[in-house]
Amino acid sequence: MSVAEFQKSVSGLPDKERAKLAAWLLDSLPPSSGDDADDESTAEAARRREELDSGRVHAVPSEQFWQDVDQERKKWG
């Protein structure tokens, strides 16, 4: 199956299913090398990881995240 055929076949999936697929595809990629990431984004990722690990911030369940995104989108219209 070509990429174009795959894109066509998954384009009709519901948003949540496409989001799951997109997350899986991203997770399936190898970690980026140091050449791909700049110092600023690497430092930001490390800062956010430390905030989670320390308990200063808490992760939001994906369902809640998408509900919040949907609520914000409704404000745009």
N, C-alpha and C. Protein backbone atom coordinates (compact mmCIF):
# COMPACT_ATOMS: atom_id res chain seq x y z
N MET A 1 0.86 -1.18 0.00
CA MET A 1 0.00 0.00 0.00
C MET A 1 0.90 1.23 0.00
N SER A 2 0.60 2.17 -0.87
CA SER A 2 1.39 3.41 -0.93
C SER A 2 0.94 4.37 0.16
N VAL A 3 1.74 5.38 0.40
CA VAL A 3 1.39 6.40 1.39
C VAL A 3 0.09 7.09 0.97
N ALA A 4 -0.05 7.38 -0.30
CA ALA A 4 -1.26 8.05 -0.79
C ALA A 4 -2.49 7.18 -0.55
N GLU A 5 -2.36 5.88 -0.81
CA GLU A 5 -3.49 4.97 -0.57
C GLU A 5 -3.82 4.89 0.91
N PHE A 6 -2.79 4.86 1.73
CA PHE A 6 -3.00 4.81 3.17
C PHE A 6 -3.69 6.08 3.65
N GLN A 7 -3.22 7.23 3.17
CA GLN A 7 -3.83 8.50 3.56
C GLN A 7 -5.30 8.53 3.18
N LYS A 8 -5.59 8.06 1.98
CA LYS A 8 -6.97 8.06 1.52
C LYS A 8 -7.83 7.13 2.40
N SER A 9 -7.29 5.98 2.77
CA SER A 9 -8.07 5.03 3.54
C SER A 9 -8.31 5.49 4.98
N VAL A 10 -7.39 6.24 5.56
CA VAL A 10 -7.57 6.67 6.94
C VAL A 10 -8.23 8.05 7.06
N SER A 11 -8.35 8.76 5.95
CA SER A 11 -8.93 10.11 6.02
C SER A 11 -10.38 10.10 6.47
N GLY A 12 -11.06 9.00 6.31
CA GLY A 12 -12.46 8.92 6.73
C GLY A 12 -12.66 8.49 8.17
N LEU A 13 -11.57 8.19 8.87
CA LEU A 13 -11.70 7.79 10.27
C LEU A 13 -12.16 8.97 11.12
N PRO A 14 -12.85 8.69 12.22
CA PRO A 14 -13.21 9.78 13.15
C PRO A 14 -11.95 10.47 13.69
N ASP A 15 -12.11 11.70 14.12
CA ASP A 15 -10.98 12.50 14.60
C ASP A 15 -10.17 11.77 15.66
N LYS A 16 -10.85 11.19 16.63
CA LYS A 16 -10.12 10.53 17.73
C LYS A 16 -9.30 9.36 17.22
N GLU A 17 -9.82 8.63 16.27
CA GLU A 17 -9.08 7.49 15.72
C GLU A 17 -7.87 7.97 14.93
N ARG A 18 -8.02 9.05 14.17
CA ARG A 18 -6.88 9.61 13.44
C ARG A 18 -5.83 10.14 14.40
N ALA A 19 -6.28 10.74 15.51
CA ALA A 19 -5.34 11.23 16.52
C ALA A 19 -4.55 10.08 17.13
N LYS A 20 -5.22 8.97 17.41
CA LYS A 20 -4.53 7.79 17.95
C LYS A 20 -3.50 7.28 16.95
N LEU A 21 -3.89 7.25 15.70
CA LEU A 21 -2.97 6.79 14.65
C LEU A 21 -1.78 7.73 14.54
N ALA A 22 -2.03 9.02 14.58
CA ALA A 22 -0.94 10.00 14.48
C ALA A 22 0.02 9.84 15.65
N ALA A 23 -0.51 9.66 16.85
CA ALA A 23 0.34 9.47 18.02
C ALA A 23 1.17 8.20 17.88
N TRP A 24 0.54 7.14 17.40
CA TRP A 24 1.27 5.89 17.22
C TRP A 24 2.38 6.06 16.18
N LEU A 25 2.07 6.73 15.09
CA LEU A 25 3.09 6.95 14.06
C LEU A 25 4.28 7.73 14.61
N LEU A 26 3.99 8.78 15.36
CA LEU A 26 5.08 9.57 15.95
C LEU A 26 5.89 8.74 16.93
N ASP A 27 5.20 7.96 17.76
CA ASP A 27 5.90 7.11 18.72
C ASP A 27 6.73 6.04 18.05
N SER A 28 6.35 5.65 16.84
CA SER A 28 7.08 4.58 16.15
C SER A 28 8.38 5.07 15.52
N LEU A 29 8.55 6.38 15.44
CA LEU A 29 9.78 6.93 14.87
C LEU A 29 10.92 6.83 15.87
N PRO A 30 12.14 6.69 15.38
CA PRO A 30 13.28 6.66 16.30
C PRO A 30 13.46 8.03 16.94
N PRO A 31 14.06 8.06 18.12
CA PRO A 31 14.30 9.37 18.75
C PRO A 31 15.14 10.24 17.83
N SER A 32 14.89 11.52 17.87
CA SER A 32 15.66 12.42 17.01
C SER A 32 17.07 12.53 17.57
N SER A 33 17.99 12.75 16.69
CA SER A 33 19.38 12.91 17.12
C SER A 33 19.59 14.32 17.63
N GLY A 34 20.70 14.53 18.27
CA GLY A 34 21.02 15.88 18.75
C GLY A 34 21.11 16.87 17.62
N ASP A 35 21.39 16.36 16.41
CA ASP A 35 21.48 17.25 15.26
C ASP A 35 20.11 17.83 14.90
N ASP A 36 19.04 17.08 15.20
CA ASP A 36 17.70 17.51 14.83
C ASP A 36 17.10 18.51 15.81
N ALA A 37 17.52 18.46 17.05
CA ALA A 37 16.91 19.32 18.07
C ALA A 37 17.86 20.45 18.43
N ASP A 38 17.30 21.64 18.56
CA ASP A 38 18.15 22.73 18.97
C ASP A 38 18.22 22.79 20.50
N ASP A 39 19.17 23.54 21.01
CA ASP A 39 19.39 23.60 22.45
C ASP A 39 18.18 24.11 23.21
N GLU A 40 17.48 25.07 22.63
CA GLU A 40 16.33 25.66 23.31
C GLU A 40 15.21 24.66 23.50
N SER A 41 14.88 23.90 22.47
CA SER A 41 13.80 22.93 22.59
C SER A 41 14.19 21.78 23.49
N THR A 42 15.46 21.40 23.48
CA THR A 42 15.93 20.34 24.38
C THR A 42 15.83 20.80 25.83
N ALA A 43 16.21 22.02 26.09
CA ALA A 43 16.12 22.57 27.44
C ALA A 43 14.66 22.66 27.89
N GLU A 44 13.77 23.06 26.99
CA GLU A 44 12.35 23.14 27.31
C GLU A 44 11.79 21.77 27.65
N ALA A 45 12.15 20.76 26.88
CA ALA A 45 11.68 19.40 27.15
C ALA A 45 12.18 18.92 28.51
N ALA A 46 13.44 19.19 28.82
CA ALA A 46 14.00 18.78 30.11
C ALA A 46 13.30 19.50 31.25
N ARG A 47 13.00 20.79 31.07
CA ARG A 47 12.30 21.56 32.11
C ARG A 47 10.91 20.98 32.37
N ARG A 48 10.19 20.68 31.29
CA ARG A 48 8.84 20.13 31.44
C ARG A 48 8.87 18.75 32.09
N ARG A 49 9.84 17.92 31.72
CA ARG A 49 9.98 16.59 32.32
C ARG A 49 10.23 16.72 33.82
N GLU A 50 11.09 17.66 34.20
CA GLU A 50 11.40 17.88 35.61
C GLU A 50 10.17 18.35 36.37
N GLU A 51 9.35 19.21 35.76
CA GLU A 51 8.12 19.67 36.41
C GLU A 51 7.17 18.50 36.67
N LEU A 52 7.05 17.61 35.71
CA LEU A 52 6.21 16.43 35.90
C LEU A 52 6.78 15.52 36.97
N ASP A 53 8.07 15.25 36.89
CA ASP A 53 8.71 14.34 37.85
C ASP A 53 8.65 14.87 39.28
N SER A 54 8.73 16.18 39.44
CA SER A 54 8.73 16.78 40.78
C SER A 54 7.32 16.87 41.37
N GLY A 55 6.31 16.76 40.52
CA GLY A 55 4.94 16.88 41.00
C GLY A 55 4.40 18.30 41.00
N ARG A 56 5.21 19.27 40.55
CA ARG A 56 4.74 20.66 40.49
C ARG A 56 3.61 20.83 39.50
N VAL A 57 3.62 20.03 38.45
CA VAL A 57 2.52 20.04 37.48
C VAL A 57 2.05 18.61 37.29
N HIS A 58 0.83 18.47 36.84
CA HIS A 58 0.27 17.15 36.64
C HIS A 58 -0.20 17.01 35.20
N ALA A 59 0.00 15.84 34.67
CA ALA A 59 -0.45 15.57 33.30
C ALA A 59 -1.98 15.57 33.27
N VAL A 60 -2.51 15.97 32.15
CA VAL A 60 -3.96 15.98 31.94
C VAL A 60 -4.31 14.74 31.12
N PRO A 61 -5.31 13.98 31.55
CA PRO A 61 -5.72 12.84 30.72
C PRO A 61 -6.09 13.31 29.31
N SER A 62 -5.81 12.49 28.31
CA SER A 62 -6.03 12.90 26.93
C SER A 62 -7.49 13.27 26.68
N GLU A 63 -8.42 12.57 27.31
CA GLU A 63 -9.83 12.89 27.12
C GLU A 63 -10.13 14.31 27.57
N GLN A 64 -9.57 14.69 28.72
CA GLN A 64 -9.77 16.05 29.22
C GLN A 64 -9.12 17.07 28.31
N PHE A 65 -7.92 16.77 27.83
CA PHE A 65 -7.23 17.67 26.91
C PHE A 65 -8.09 17.95 25.69
N TRP A 66 -8.61 16.89 25.06
CA TRP A 66 -9.40 17.07 23.85
C TRP A 66 -10.72 17.77 24.13
N GLN A 67 -11.31 17.55 25.30
CA GLN A 67 -12.52 18.28 25.67
C GLN A 67 -12.21 19.77 25.77
N ASP A 68 -11.08 20.09 26.40
CA ASP A 68 -10.67 21.49 26.52
C ASP A 68 -10.40 22.11 25.15
N VAL A 69 -9.75 21.36 24.28
CA VAL A 69 -9.48 21.85 22.92
C VAL A 69 -10.80 22.13 22.21
N ASP A 70 -11.74 21.19 22.30
CA ASP A 70 -13.05 21.38 21.66
C ASP A 70 -13.76 22.61 22.19
N GLN A 71 -13.69 22.84 23.50
CA GLN A 71 -14.33 24.02 24.09
C GLN A 71 -13.69 25.30 23.56
N GLU A 72 -12.38 25.30 23.45
CA GLU A 72 -11.70 26.48 22.91
C GLU A 72 -12.06 26.73 21.45
N ARG A 73 -12.13 25.66 20.67
CA ARG A 73 -12.50 25.78 19.26
C ARG A 73 -13.89 26.39 19.10
N LYS A 74 -14.80 26.03 19.98
CA LYS A 74 -16.17 26.57 19.90
C LYS A 74 -16.15 28.09 20.13
N LYS A 75 -15.23 28.59 20.88
CA LYS A 75 -15.11 30.03 21.13
C LYS A 75 -14.65 30.78 19.88
N TRP A 76 -13.93 30.09 18.99
CA TRP A 76 -13.40 30.74 17.79
C TRP A 76 -14.50 31.08 16.80
N GLY A 77 -15.55 30.26 16.79
CA GLY A 77 -16.60 30.41 15.77
C GLY A 77 -17.49 31.52 16.03
